[in-house]
Amino acid sequence: MTPDPITAAQFLSLVGLMAATIEYCEVMRRREVLRVQSRQQEEAARAGLIGLVRVFAADGDAQG
């Protein structure tokens, strides 16, 4: 049985589409992870800033 070039080309196209889809899913997953990490870092920075303001406010009340 001789291999059919059209069938082989269709198979390779399908494999390429599947690989591209998997890669796209991985890129989107990494972007989501980065977004979540960025959001958590912003929340931590904000909480730290609020805590620092409270410390300075309490220190000012104690001195004054």
PDB file of N, CA and C in Angstrom:
ATOM      1  N   MET A   1       0.852  -1.180   0.000  1.00  0.00           N
ATOM      2  CA  MET A   1       0.000   0.000   0.000  1.00  0.00           C
ATOM      3  C   MET A   1       0.898   1.244   0.000  1.00  0.00           C
ATOM      4  N   THR A   2       0.702   2.120  -0.946  1.00  0.00           N
ATOM      5  CA  THR A   2       1.494   3.341  -1.034  1.00  0.00           C
ATOM      6  C   THR A   2       0.839   4.445  -0.214  1.00  0.00           C
ATOM      7  N   PRO A   3       1.642   5.205   0.503  1.00  0.00           N
ATOM      8  CA  PRO A   3       1.066   6.292   1.302  1.00  0.00           C
ATOM      9  C   PRO A   3       0.511   7.391   0.404  1.00  0.00           C
ATOM     10  N   ASP A   4      -0.613   7.912   0.816  1.00  0.00           N
ATOM     11  CA  ASP A   4      -1.278   8.986   0.076  1.00  0.00           C
ATOM     12  C   ASP A   4      -0.739  10.327   0.575  1.00  0.00           C
ATOM     13  N   PRO A   5      -0.124  11.140  -0.289  1.00  0.00           N
ATOM     14  CA  PRO A   5       0.444  12.420   0.157  1.00  0.00           C
ATOM     15  C   PRO A   5      -0.601  13.380   0.708  1.00  0.00           C
ATOM     16  N   ILE A   6      -1.800  13.342   0.170  1.00  0.00           N
ATOM     17  CA  ILE A   6      -2.855  14.256   0.656  1.00  0.00           C
ATOM     18  C   ILE A   6      -3.259  13.875   2.072  1.00  0.00           C
ATOM     19  N   THR A   7      -3.387  12.575   2.333  1.00  0.00           N
ATOM     20  CA  THR A   7      -3.741  12.128   3.678  1.00  0.00           C
ATOM     21  C   THR A   7      -2.632  12.490   4.661  1.00  0.00           C
ATOM     22  N   ALA A   8      -1.390  12.316   4.247  1.00  0.00           N
ATOM     23  CA  ALA A   8      -0.269  12.680   5.115  1.00  0.00           C
ATOM     24  C   ALA A   8      -0.268  14.184   5.385  1.00  0.00           C
ATOM     25  N   ALA A   9      -0.528  14.994   4.388  1.00  0.00           N
ATOM     26  CA  ALA A   9      -0.569  16.446   4.560  1.00  0.00           C
ATOM     27  C   ALA A   9      -1.716  16.846   5.491  1.00  0.00           C
ATOM     28  N   GLN A  10      -2.876  16.198   5.337  1.00  0.00           N
ATOM     29  CA  GLN A  10      -4.008  16.495   6.216  1.00  0.00           C
ATOM     30  C   GLN A  10      -3.686  16.109   7.665  1.00  0.00           C
ATOM     31  N   PHE A  11      -3.030  14.958   7.807  1.00  0.00           N
ATOM     32  CA  PHE A  11      -2.646  14.509   9.143  1.00  0.00           C
ATOM     33  C   PHE A  11      -1.672  15.499   9.782  1.00  0.00           C
ATOM     34  N   LEU A  12      -0.676  15.921   9.044  1.00  0.00           N
ATOM     35  CA  LEU A  12       0.292  16.882   9.577  1.00  0.00           C
ATOM     36  C   LEU A  12      -0.364  18.225   9.901  1.00  0.00           C
ATOM     37  N   SER A  13      -1.311  18.641   9.091  1.00  0.00           N
ATOM     38  CA  SER A  13      -2.042  19.885   9.378  1.00  0.00           C
ATOM     39  C   SER A  13      -2.833  19.756  10.667  1.00  0.00           C
ATOM     40  N   LEU A  14      -3.482  18.624  10.840  1.00  0.00           N
ATOM     41  CA  LEU A  14      -4.257  18.387  12.053  1.00  0.00           C
ATOM     42  C   LEU A  14      -3.353  18.369  13.282  1.00  0.00           C
ATOM     43  N   VAL A  15      -2.210  17.702  13.177  1.00  0.00           N
ATOM     44  CA  VAL A  15      -1.263  17.656  14.286  1.00  0.00           C
ATOM     45  C   VAL A  15      -0.749  19.064  14.598  1.00  0.00           C
ATOM     46  N   GLY A  16      -0.486  19.846  13.574  1.00  0.00           N
ATOM     47  CA  GLY A  16      -0.036  21.221  13.783  1.00  0.00           C
ATOM     48  C   GLY A  16      -1.089  22.064  14.477  1.00  0.00           C
ATOM     49  N   LEU A  17      -2.339  21.907  14.085  1.00  0.00           N
ATOM     50  CA  LEU A  17      -3.423  22.647  14.740  1.00  0.00           C
ATOM     51  C   LEU A  17      -3.568  22.248  16.201  1.00  0.00           C
ATOM     52  N   MET A  18      -3.435  20.959  16.464  1.00  0.00           N
ATOM     53  CA  MET A  18      -3.529  20.486  17.850  1.00  0.00           C
ATOM     54  C   MET A  18      -2.371  21.040  18.686  1.00  0.00           C
ATOM     55  N   ALA A  19      -1.180  21.039  18.136  1.00  0.00           N
ATOM     56  CA  ALA A  19      -0.022  21.565  18.861  1.00  0.00           C
ATOM     57  C   ALA A  19      -0.176  23.063  19.118  1.00  0.00           C
ATOM     58  N   ALA A  20      -0.667  23.791  18.136  1.00  0.00           N
ATOM     59  CA  ALA A  20      -0.866  25.232  18.302  1.00  0.00           C
ATOM     60  C   ALA A  20      -1.936  25.507  19.357  1.00  0.00           C
ATOM     61  N   THR A  21      -2.977  24.699  19.386  1.00  0.00           N
ATOM     62  CA  THR A  21      -4.037  24.870  20.379  1.00  0.00           C
ATOM     63  C   THR A  21      -3.510  24.615  21.782  1.00  0.00           C
ATOM     64  N   ILE A  22      -2.711  23.580  21.935  1.00  0.00           N
ATOM     65  CA  ILE A  22      -2.125  23.277  23.241  1.00  0.00           C
ATOM     66  C   ILE A  22      -1.203  24.409  23.676  1.00  0.00           C
ATOM     67  N   GLU A  23      -0.387  24.900  22.779  1.00  0.00           N
ATOM     68  CA  GLU A  23       0.519  25.999  23.109  1.00  0.00           C
ATOM     69  C   GLU A  23      -0.265  27.252  23.502  1.00  0.00           C
ATOM     70  N   TYR A  24      -1.345  27.541  22.792  1.00  0.00           N
ATOM     71  CA  TYR A  24      -2.178  28.700  23.102  1.00  0.00           C
ATOM     72  C   TYR A  24      -2.771  28.561  24.506  1.00  0.00           C
ATOM     73  N   CYS A  25      -3.232  27.362  24.840  1.00  0.00           N
ATOM     74  CA  CYS A  25      -3.792  27.130  26.178  1.00  0.00           C
ATOM     75  C   CYS A  25      -2.738  27.353  27.251  1.00  0.00           C
ATOM     76  N   GLU A  26      -1.526  26.916  27.001  1.00  0.00           N
ATOM     77  CA  GLU A  26      -0.445  27.119  27.963  1.00  0.00           C
ATOM     78  C   GLU A  26      -0.110  28.603  28.123  1.00  0.00           C
ATOM     79  N   VAL A  27      -0.088  29.334  27.029  1.00  0.00           N
ATOM     80  CA  VAL A  27       0.186  30.775  27.092  1.00  0.00           C
ATOM     81  C   VAL A  27      -0.904  31.472  27.901  1.00  0.00           C
ATOM     82  N   MET A  28      -2.148  31.121  27.645  1.00  0.00           N
ATOM     83  CA  MET A  28      -3.251  31.743  28.379  1.00  0.00           C
ATOM     84  C   MET A  28      -3.197  31.391  29.861  1.00  0.00           C
ATOM     85  N   ARG A  29      -2.830  30.157  30.185  1.00  0.00           N
ATOM     86  CA  ARG A  29      -2.721  29.744  31.580  1.00  0.00           C
ATOM     87  C   ARG A  29      -1.612  30.537  32.282  1.00  0.00           C
ATOM     88  N   ARG A  30      -0.469  30.703  31.614  1.00  0.00           N
ATOM     89  CA  ARG A  30       0.634  31.472  32.210  1.00  0.00           C
ATOM     90  C   ARG A  30       0.232  32.925  32.416  1.00  0.00           C
ATOM     91  N   ARG A  31      -0.495  33.488  31.480  1.00  0.00           N
ATOM     92  CA  ARG A  31      -0.945  34.876  31.634  1.00  0.00           C
ATOM     93  C   ARG A  31      -1.891  35.016  32.819  1.00  0.00           C
ATOM     94  N   GLU A  32      -2.768  34.052  32.989  1.00  0.00           N
ATOM     95  CA  GLU A  32      -3.700  34.100  34.114  1.00  0.00           C
ATOM     96  C   GLU A  32      -2.947  34.001  35.440  1.00  0.00           C
ATOM     97  N   VAL A  33      -1.955  33.120  35.496  1.00  0.00           N
ATOM     98  CA  VAL A  33      -1.151  32.980  36.710  1.00  0.00           C
ATOM     99  C   VAL A  33      -0.439  34.300  37.012  1.00  0.00           C
ATOM    100  N   LEU A  34       0.119  34.929  36.000  1.00  0.00           N
ATOM    101  CA  LEU A  34       0.803  36.212  36.197  1.00  0.00           C
ATOM    102  C   LEU A  34      -0.166  37.290  36.665  1.00  0.00           C
ATOM    103  N   ARG A  35      -1.381  37.295  36.116  1.00  0.00           N
ATOM    104  CA  ARG A  35      -2.386  38.271  36.548  1.00  0.00           C
ATOM    105  C   ARG A  35      -2.741  38.081  38.013  1.00  0.00           C
ATOM    106  N   VAL A  36      -2.929  36.819  38.411  1.00  0.00           N
ATOM    107  CA  VAL A  36      -3.282  36.527  39.806  1.00  0.00           C
ATOM    108  C   VAL A  36      -2.142  36.941  40.733  1.00  0.00           C
ATOM    109  N   GLN A  37      -0.905  36.613  40.351  1.00  0.00           N
ATOM    110  CA  GLN A  37       0.238  36.994  41.175  1.00  0.00           C
ATOM    111  C   GLN A  37       0.362  38.511  41.287  1.00  0.00           C
ATOM    112  N   SER A  38       0.137  39.206  40.193  1.00  0.00           N
ATOM    113  CA  SER A  38       0.206  40.662  40.198  1.00  0.00           C
ATOM    114  C   SER A  38      -0.868  41.248  41.117  1.00  0.00           C
ATOM    115  N   ARG A  39      -2.061  40.701  41.022  1.00  0.00           N
ATOM    116  CA  ARG A  39      -3.160  41.163  41.866  1.00  0.00           C
ATOM    117  C   ARG A  39      -2.837  40.930  43.345  1.00  0.00           C
ATOM    118  N   GLN A  40      -2.278  39.764  43.664  1.00  0.00           N
ATOM    119  CA  GLN A  40      -1.925  39.467  45.049  1.00  0.00           C
ATOM    120  C   GLN A  40      -0.826  40.400  45.548  1.00  0.00           C
ATOM    121  N   GLN A  41       0.126  40.695  44.690  1.00  0.00           N
ATOM    122  CA  GLN A  41       1.215  41.598  45.076  1.00  0.00           C
ATOM    123  C   GLN A  41       0.679  43.007  45.329  1.00  0.00           C
ATOM    124  N   GLU A  42      -0.249  43.457  44.484  1.00  0.00           N
ATOM    125  CA  GLU A  42      -0.850  44.778  44.683  1.00  0.00           C
ATOM    126  C   GLU A  42      -1.643  44.824  45.982  1.00  0.00           C
ATOM    127  N   GLU A  43      -2.380  43.753  46.281  1.00  0.00           N
ATOM    128  CA  GLU A  43      -3.151  43.705  47.520  1.00  0.00           C
ATOM    129  C   GLU A  43      -2.234  43.714  48.742  1.00  0.00           C
ATOM    130  N   ALA A  44      -1.134  42.973  48.661  1.00  0.00           N
ATOM    131  CA  ALA A  44      -0.181  42.939  49.775  1.00  0.00           C
ATOM    132  C   ALA A  44       0.463  44.313  49.967  1.00  0.00           C
ATOM    133  N   ALA A  45       0.808  44.976  48.876  1.00  0.00           N
ATOM    134  CA  ALA A  45       1.406  46.313  48.975  1.00  0.00           C
ATOM    135  C   ALA A  45       0.409  47.294  49.576  1.00  0.00           C
ATOM    136  N   ARG A  46      -0.835  47.183  49.160  1.00  0.00           N
ATOM    137  CA  ARG A  46      -1.863  48.083  49.689  1.00  0.00           C
ATOM    138  C   ARG A  46      -2.081  47.837  51.178  1.00  0.00           C
ATOM    139  N   ALA A  47      -2.145  46.558  51.558  1.00  0.00           N
ATOM    140  CA  ALA A  47      -2.333  46.236  52.980  1.00  0.00           C
ATOM    141  C   ALA A  47      -1.139  46.737  53.796  1.00  0.00           C
ATOM    142  N   GLY A  48       0.053  46.605  53.241  1.00  0.00           N
ATOM    143  CA  GLY A  48       1.242  47.100  53.939  1.00  0.00           C
ATOM    144  C   GLY A  48       1.217  48.603  54.100  1.00  0.00           C
ATOM    145  N   LEU A  49       0.782  49.299  53.066  1.00  0.00           N
ATOM    146  CA  LEU A  49       0.688  50.752  53.133  1.00  0.00           C
ATOM    147  C   LEU A  49      -0.345  51.185  54.164  1.00  0.00           C
ATOM    148  N   ILE A  50      -1.471  50.526  54.182  1.00  0.00           N
ATOM    149  CA  ILE A  50      -2.509  50.850  55.179  1.00  0.00           C
ATOM    150  C   ILE A  50      -1.976  50.605  56.581  1.00  0.00           C
ATOM    151  N   GLY A  51      -1.258  49.484  56.757  1.00  0.00           N
ATOM    152  CA  GLY A  51      -0.678  49.192  58.069  1.00  0.00           C
ATOM    153  C   GLY A  51       0.341  50.235  58.479  1.00  0.00           C
ATOM    154  N   LEU A  52       1.152  50.678  57.528  1.00  0.00           N
ATOM    155  CA  LEU A  52       2.156  51.704  57.817  1.00  0.00           C
ATOM    156  C   LEU A  52       1.497  53.017  58.208  1.00  0.00           C
ATOM    157  N   VAL A  53       0.447  53.374  57.523  1.00  0.00           N
ATOM    158  CA  VAL A  53      -0.287  54.607  57.862  1.00  0.00           C
ATOM    159  C   VAL A  53      -0.870  54.496  59.260  1.00  0.00           C
ATOM    160  N   ARG A  54      -1.391  53.319  59.618  1.00  0.00           N
ATOM    161  CA  ARG A  54      -1.944  53.139  60.969  1.00  0.00           C
ATOM    162  C   ARG A  54      -0.856  53.272  62.028  1.00  0.00           C
ATOM    163  N   VAL A  55       0.320  52.729  61.732  1.00  0.00           N
ATOM    164  CA  VAL A  55       1.424  52.829  62.694  1.00  0.00           C
ATOM    165  C   VAL A  55       1.799  54.291  62.907  1.00  0.00           C
ATOM    166  N   PHE A  56       1.943  55.032  61.794  1.00  0.00           N
ATOM    167  CA  PHE A  56       2.301  56.448  61.919  1.00  0.00           C
ATOM    168  C   PHE A  56       1.184  57.227  62.608  1.00  0.00           C
ATOM    169  N   ALA A  57      -0.050  56.905  62.327  1.00  0.00           N
ATOM    170  CA  ALA A  57      -1.156  57.596  62.970  1.00  0.00           C
ATOM    171  C   ALA A  57      -1.175  57.313  64.465  1.00  0.00           C
ATOM    172  N   ALA A  58      -0.946  56.065  64.840  1.00  0.00           N
ATOM    173  CA  ALA A  58      -0.934  55.702  66.254  1.00  0.00           C
ATOM    174  C   ALA A  58       0.258  56.346  66.951  1.00  0.00           C
ATOM    175  N   ASP A  59       1.390  56.404  66.272  1.00  0.00           N
ATOM    176  CA  ASP A  59       2.574  57.028  66.832  1.00  0.00           C
ATOM    177  C   ASP A  59       2.335  58.536  67.025  1.00  0.00           C
ATOM    178  N   GLY A  60       1.667  59.139  66.088  1.00  0.00           N
ATOM    179  CA  GLY A  60       1.351  60.570  66.201  1.00  0.00           C
ATOM    180  C   GLY A  60       0.398  60.844  67.339  1.00  0.00           C
ATOM    181  N   ASP A  61      -0.577  59.953  67.561  1.00  0.00           N
ATOM    182  CA  ASP A  61      -1.513  60.123  68.668  1.00  0.00           C
ATOM    183  C   ASP A  61      -0.806  59.935  70.006  1.00  0.00           C
ATOM    184  N   ALA A  62       0.150  59.029  70.054  1.00  0.00           N
ATOM    185  CA  ALA A  62       0.856  58.767  71.301  1.00  0.00           C
ATOM    186  C   ALA A  62       1.763  59.941  71.680  1.00  0.00           C
ATOM    187  N   GLN A  63       2.297  60.633  70.676  1.00  0.00           N
ATOM    188  CA  GLN A  63       3.202  61.751  70.941  1.00  0.00           C
ATOM    189  C   GLN A  63       2.440  63.044  71.234  1.00  0.00           C
ATOM    190  N   GLY A  64       1.240  63.078  70.757  1.00  0.00           N
ATOM    191  CA  GLY A  64       0.667  64.345  70.776  1.00  0.00           C
ATOM    192  C   GLY A  64      -0.433  64.812  71.512  1.00  0.00           C
TER     193      GLY A  64
END
